[in-house]
Amino acid sequence: MLVDHTDISDRRLMLIGSNGELRWQRSYSGILQGELSLIELGGKPYLVTQDETNLTQESRTTTWRELFIYSVDIHSGDLTCVFHGGTRDPDQGSTSILTIGDDRILINLWGTTLLVLDPQIALETNTR
C-alpha cells in the first residue's frame, strides 16, 4: 500500500507491505509543496500536489495556484511529472480529479478549465 504523509516540515511517500512492514519511504521536502493526494490509474499510482502561493509586488498581492501530477515508480519511489498547470486568478473554484477507465484522468482546474490527460502519452512525450 502506498501512503502519502504531510506535516509542517516534510512531504513523504511510504510503501507498506501486506504484512505491515515498511518497504521504503522517500522524503520530498523542498521538492513537493502543498496538499498531496494519491490516485490509481490502470494499477499505477500517481501523486497529485496542489499549492497556493501569494506573491506581492509593489503593494499588490497575486495568488498563484499550481497543480502537479507525478507518476510514481512503485519500486524506487522516483517521481516523473506528467502534468503541471497553474493560474494567477484567486477567485477560481476548487480543482477536481477523476479517473476515467484505466488510462485517462479528467481534471477540472479551478472550476474553469476541463481537460483529459492520458499520463502514458505524457510520459512517452516527456522522455523524448
Foldseek 3Di string as FASTA:
>chain_A
DWDWDDDPFWTKIWDADPVRHTPDMDTCGVNADADWDWDAALNWIKIKHKDWDWDDDPNDIWIKIKIWIWTADPVPRDTDTLDIDMDRDPPFAPKDWDYDHRFWIWICHSVPDIDIGGSVVSVVVVVD
